[in-house]
């Protein structure tokens, strides 16, 4: 793996960690094409207490 590819992978992992750390309920979907992450979808849910 090249140095550029390693930096991109590290950047993607940091982004995922940030997304996971800021959400309480929801989901994160990774879209992969040719073995590379091309899109990250985040769906966040808010629980309402009655």
Protein backbone atom coordinates (compact mmCIF):
# COMPACT_ATOMS: atom_id res chain seq x y z
CA UNK A 1 0.00 0.00 0.00
CA UNK A 2 1.38 3.40 -0.97
CA UNK A 3 1.88 6.23 1.48
CA UNK A 4 -0.97 8.19 -0.13
CA UNK A 5 -3.35 5.23 0.20
CA UNK A 6 -2.37 4.80 3.85
CA UNK A 7 -3.10 8.49 4.53
CA UNK A 8 -6.53 8.18 2.88
CA UNK A 9 -7.30 5.05 4.91
CA UNK A 10 -6.23 6.80 8.11
CA UNK A 11 -8.39 9.80 7.18
CA UNK A 12 -11.41 7.54 6.59
CA UNK A 13 -10.91 5.82 9.94
CA UNK A 14 -10.65 9.18 11.71
CA UNK A 15 -13.88 10.32 10.03
CA UNK A 16 -15.66 7.13 11.12
CA UNK A 17 -14.41 7.54 14.70
CA UNK A 18 -15.66 11.13 14.72
CA UNK A 19 -19.09 10.14 13.37
CA UNK A 20 -19.41 7.32 15.90
CA UNK A 21 -18.36 9.61 18.75
CA UNK A 22 -20.96 12.25 17.94
CA UNK A 23 -24.07 10.12 17.49
CA UNK A 24 -26.19 8.38 20.09
CA UNK A 25 -28.67 6.45 17.89
CA UNK A 26 -28.51 5.72 14.19
CA UNK A 27 -26.48 3.98 11.55
CA UNK A 28 -23.46 4.51 9.34
CA UNK A 29 -23.28 2.89 5.90
CA UNK A 30 -20.07 2.56 3.91
CA UNK A 31 -20.37 2.47 0.12
CA UNK A 32 -17.43 0.58 -1.41
CA UNK A 33 -16.42 0.40 -5.07
CA UNK A 34 -13.38 -1.49 -6.34
CA UNK A 35 -12.31 -2.13 -2.73
CA UNK A 36 -12.29 1.58 -1.81
CA UNK A 37 -14.69 3.62 0.29
CA UNK A 38 -16.38 6.10 -2.02
CA UNK A 39 -19.22 7.30 0.21
CA UNK A 40 -20.25 7.37 3.86
CA UNK A 41 -23.94 7.74 4.75
CA UNK A 42 -24.96 8.69 8.29
CA UNK A 43 -28.55 8.34 9.49
CA UNK A 44 -29.11 9.76 12.95
CA UNK A 45 -32.22 9.16 15.02
CA UNK A 46 -33.51 11.24 17.89
CA UNK A 47 -35.46 9.48 20.63
CA UNK A 48 -38.30 11.56 22.05
CA UNK A 49 -39.40 10.96 25.61
CA UNK A 50 -43.10 11.32 26.33
